[in-house]
Amino acid sequence: MKYFIHLSSEYYSSSIMAKTDKIEIQERVTKVAMEMILKFGLRGLNMVDLAKECGLAKATLYKIIGSKEDLIREIALEIFDINIVKVLDPIMKQDDPVLAFNQFLDNYFNYAVESQKILIDQIYKEYPLIEKDVKANYDKMIVKMHHRFIVWQNNKLIRSDINVDYFLESVEALNEFYIRSDYSNEEIIRRLRAVFITAFRGIGILL
């Protein structure tokens, strides 16, 4: 399976590679590499095959991505953005917690469990420093989440006796527990939706 049409090697020659061209190529390389990882796992990401799929010489590929670890870091951050940031986006933006959490739950229909499994079970184990980079982004997001919950509490939209930090930690733990489980992806989604509904109702959101 070809991940996208090969472009001529002349296009990628260093003599004509403008800054905008390099950014576009980096994005394409990251996309192809992510597809390879999702299909074959982290150990299935072969740099020779990646260069070939992208129509690049191996030396040119490394000039673009820096190192394999740099590429894996970009993929990890992309997985984080797709599977966590975008899924939680309604909670960040909706003023009404009921609407926010209903939209959040709807996002689980498109929840990419497999990519999160790769992130946690493969990338983090192979590259522990990348886990720290992703966690730094996650911690920034949690600060925003915490603020949103405090606003809801102040507006009496959720229970005021709930410790927000404990609630967010418990939801994170539930998510990681099921992602690490041996259930099918469909079963993971079903169970996560069920436990999240229970947790949301527990803080006073009547779903």
Protein backbone atom coordinates (compact mmCIF):
# COMPACT_ATOMS: atom_id res chain seq x y z
CA MET A 1 0.00 0.00 0.00
CA LYS A 2 1.43 3.38 -0.99
CA TYR A 3 0.80 6.13 1.48
CA PHE A 4 0.86 8.91 -1.10
CA ILE A 5 2.09 9.46 -4.62
CA HIS A 6 5.85 9.58 -4.90
CA LEU A 7 7.16 12.94 -5.93
CA SER A 8 10.23 13.25 -8.07
CA SER A 9 13.56 13.37 -6.28
CA GLU A 10 14.36 16.54 -8.17
CA TYR A 11 11.61 18.33 -6.24
CA TYR A 12 13.38 17.48 -3.02
CA SER A 13 16.88 18.43 -4.08
CA SER A 14 18.54 20.70 -1.57
CA SER A 15 19.17 23.33 -4.20
CA ILE A 16 15.47 24.15 -4.55
CA MET A 17 14.13 23.21 -1.14
CA ALA A 18 12.66 26.47 0.12
CA LYS A 19 11.58 26.84 3.72
CA THR A 20 7.90 26.38 2.87
CA ASP A 21 8.75 23.28 0.82
CA LYS A 22 10.63 21.80 3.78
CA ILE A 23 7.71 22.37 6.14
CA GLU A 24 5.33 20.73 3.69
CA ILE A 25 7.67 17.76 3.26
CA GLN A 26 8.10 17.43 7.04
CA GLU A 27 4.33 17.27 7.44
CA ARG A 28 4.05 14.61 4.75
CA VAL A 29 6.88 12.55 6.21
CA THR A 30 5.22 12.72 9.65
CA LYS A 31 1.88 11.64 8.15
CA VAL A 32 3.39 8.67 6.32
CA ALA A 33 5.44 7.64 9.35
CA MET A 34 2.36 7.76 11.58
CA GLU A 35 0.42 5.60 9.14
CA MET A 36 3.27 3.09 9.10
CA ILE A 37 3.38 2.99 12.91
CA LEU A 38 -0.40 2.56 13.20
CA LYS A 39 -0.28 -0.29 10.70
CA PHE A 40 2.93 -2.07 11.73
CA GLY A 41 3.72 -0.77 15.21
CA LEU A 42 6.70 1.31 16.31
CA ARG A 43 9.21 -1.36 15.36
CA GLY A 44 7.69 -1.44 11.89
CA LEU A 45 8.89 2.09 11.19
CA ASN A 46 11.87 1.46 8.94
CA MET A 47 13.68 4.61 7.86
CA VAL A 48 14.78 3.13 4.54
CA ASP A 49 11.19 2.20 3.70
CA LEU A 50 9.97 5.59 4.93
CA ALA A 51 12.42 7.41 2.66
CA LYS A 52 11.34 5.26 -0.26
CA GLU A 53 7.64 5.87 0.37
CA CYS A 54 8.29 9.61 0.52
CA GLY A 55 10.44 9.68 -2.62
CA LEU A 56 13.49 10.80 -0.68
CA ALA A 57 17.07 9.68 -0.40
CA LYS A 58 17.78 8.41 3.12
CA ALA A 59 20.32 11.21 3.69
CA THR A 60 17.76 13.79 2.60
CA LEU A 61 15.18 12.29 4.94
CA TYR A 62 17.46 12.76 7.93
CA LYS A 63 18.20 16.35 6.88
CA ILE A 64 14.46 16.99 7.02
CA ILE A 65 13.51 15.17 10.24
CA GLY A 66 16.76 15.50 12.21
CA SER A 67 16.72 12.05 13.82
CA LYS A 68 14.35 9.13 14.18
CA GLU A 69 13.64 10.18 17.76
CA ASP A 70 12.76 13.70 16.56
CA LEU A 71 10.30 12.17 14.12
CA ILE A 72 8.79 9.91 16.79
CA ARG A 73 8.39 12.96 19.04
CA GLU A 74 6.42 14.77 16.32
CA ILE A 75 4.21 11.71 15.88
CA ALA A 76 3.63 11.40 19.64
CA LEU A 77 2.59 15.04 19.87
CA GLU A 78 0.28 14.58 16.88
CA ILE A 79 -1.33 11.53 18.52
CA PHE A 80 -1.77 13.57 21.69
CA ASP A 81 -3.39 16.40 19.74
CA ILE A 82 -5.78 14.14 17.82
CA ASN A 83 -6.77 11.79 20.61
CA ILE A 84 -6.76 13.99 23.68
CA VAL A 85 -6.83 17.69 22.86
CA LYS A 86 -9.52 17.46 20.17
CA VAL A 87 -11.59 14.98 22.16
CA LEU A 88 -11.59 17.34 25.15
CA ASP A 89 -12.10 20.48 23.07
CA PRO A 90 -15.85 20.83 23.89
CA ILE A 91 -15.07 20.93 27.61
CA MET A 92 -12.63 23.76 26.99
CA LYS A 93 -15.04 25.82 24.88
CA GLN A 94 -18.60 25.15 26.05
CA ASP A 95 -19.97 27.25 28.90
CA ASP A 96 -22.73 24.73 29.63
CA PRO A 97 -21.23 21.56 31.19
CA VAL A 98 -24.14 19.40 29.98
CA LEU A 99 -23.56 20.43 26.36
CA ALA A 100 -19.81 20.14 26.85
CA PHE A 101 -19.90 16.59 28.15
CA ASN A 102 -22.49 15.40 25.65
CA GLN A 103 -20.24 16.64 22.85
CA PHE A 104 -17.25 15.06 24.59
CA LEU A 105 -19.01 11.71 24.71
CA ASP A 106 -20.01 12.01 21.04
CA ASN A 107 -16.32 12.41 20.21
CA TYR A 108 -15.74 8.91 21.55
CA PHE A 109 -17.45 7.47 18.48
CA ASN A 110 -14.32 8.54 16.59
CA TYR A 111 -11.93 7.85 19.42
CA ALA A 112 -8.67 6.39 18.05
CA VAL A 113 -7.87 3.89 20.77
CA GLU A 114 -5.22 2.08 18.75
CA SER A 115 -3.03 5.16 18.38
CA GLN A 116 -3.21 5.82 22.12
CA LYS A 117 -2.17 2.24 22.77
CA ILE A 118 0.87 2.78 20.57
CA LEU A 119 1.64 6.03 22.36
CA ILE A 120 1.46 4.50 25.85
CA ASP A 121 2.61 0.90 25.28
CA GLN A 122 5.26 1.44 22.62
CA ILE A 123 6.50 5.00 22.21
CA TYR A 124 6.69 5.83 25.92
CA LYS A 125 8.52 2.59 26.69
CA GLU A 126 11.05 3.05 23.89
CA TYR A 127 11.48 6.82 24.30
CA PRO A 128 10.85 7.90 27.93
CA LEU A 129 11.99 11.46 27.21
CA ILE A 130 9.19 11.79 24.66
CA GLU A 131 6.69 10.88 27.39
CA LYS A 132 8.00 13.86 29.38
CA ASP A 133 7.49 16.15 26.37
CA VAL A 134 3.92 14.96 25.86
CA LYS A 135 3.20 15.16 29.57
CA ALA A 136 4.36 18.79 29.61
CA ASN A 137 1.68 19.57 27.01
CA TYR A 138 -0.85 17.49 28.94
CA ASP A 139 -0.11 19.39 32.16
CA LYS A 140 -0.77 22.70 30.39
CA MET A 141 -4.11 21.37 29.18
CA ILE A 142 -5.02 20.13 32.67
CA VAL A 143 -4.46 23.62 34.06
CA LYS A 144 -7.03 24.95 31.58
CA MET A 145 -9.40 22.08 32.42
CA HIS A 146 -9.04 22.82 36.12
CA HIS A 147 -9.92 26.47 35.53
CA ARG A 148 -13.02 25.49 33.53
CA PHE A 149 -14.27 23.23 36.33
CA ILE A 150 -13.69 25.93 38.93
CA VAL A 151 -15.74 28.36 36.84
CA TRP A 152 -18.56 25.80 36.65
CA GLN A 153 -18.39 25.32 40.41
CA ASN A 154 -18.50 29.05 41.06
CA ASN A 155 -21.54 29.30 38.78
CA LYS A 156 -23.17 26.38 40.63
CA LEU A 157 -23.29 24.28 37.45
CA ILE A 158 -21.55 21.33 39.10
CA ARG A 159 -21.24 20.23 42.72
CA SER A 160 -19.16 22.59 44.83
CA ASP A 161 -17.98 19.83 47.20
CA ILE A 162 -16.05 18.00 44.48
CA ASN A 163 -12.27 18.26 44.51
CA VAL A 164 -11.51 19.13 40.89
CA ASP A 165 -7.94 17.83 40.98
CA TYR A 166 -9.07 14.44 42.30
CA PHE A 167 -11.79 14.22 39.67
CA LEU A 168 -9.42 14.97 36.78
CA GLU A 169 -6.85 12.50 38.13
CA SER A 170 -9.49 9.77 38.40
CA VAL A 171 -10.72 10.33 34.84
CA GLU A 172 -7.13 10.19 33.56
CA ALA A 173 -6.53 6.97 35.49
CA LEU A 174 -9.69 5.38 34.09
CA ASN A 175 -8.67 6.29 30.57
CA GLU A 176 -5.18 4.83 30.95
CA PHE A 177 -6.48 1.68 32.65
CA TYR A 178 -8.75 0.82 29.72
CA ILE A 179 -6.21 1.87 27.07
CA ARG A 180 -3.76 -0.60 28.63
CA SER A 181 -6.37 -3.35 28.87
CA ASP A 182 -6.76 -6.32 26.54
CA TYR A 183 -10.32 -5.40 25.55
CA SER A 184 -11.11 -4.76 21.90
CA ASN A 185 -11.08 -1.13 20.79
CA GLU A 186 -14.87 -1.16 20.51
CA GLU A 187 -15.21 -2.54 24.04
CA ILE A 188 -12.77 0.03 25.39
CA ILE A 189 -14.85 2.83 23.91
CA ARG A 190 -18.07 1.34 25.28
CA ARG A 191 -16.65 0.95 28.78
CA LEU A 192 -15.01 4.38 28.83
CA ARG A 193 -18.23 6.05 27.78
CA ALA A 194 -20.12 4.19 30.53
CA VAL A 195 -17.67 5.04 33.32
CA PHE A 196 -17.35 8.65 32.18
CA ILE A 197 -21.13 9.09 32.23
CA THR A 198 -21.15 7.73 35.78
CA ALA A 199 -18.32 10.08 36.78
CA PHE A 200 -20.00 13.12 35.21
CA ARG A 201 -23.30 12.38 36.90
CA GLY A 202 -21.40 12.09 40.17
CA ILE A 203 -20.30 15.71 39.97
CA GLY A 204 -23.81 16.89 39.19
CA ILE A 205 -23.97 16.88 35.39
CA LEU A 206 -27.31 15.32 34.47
CA LEU A 207 -26.62 13.57 31.18
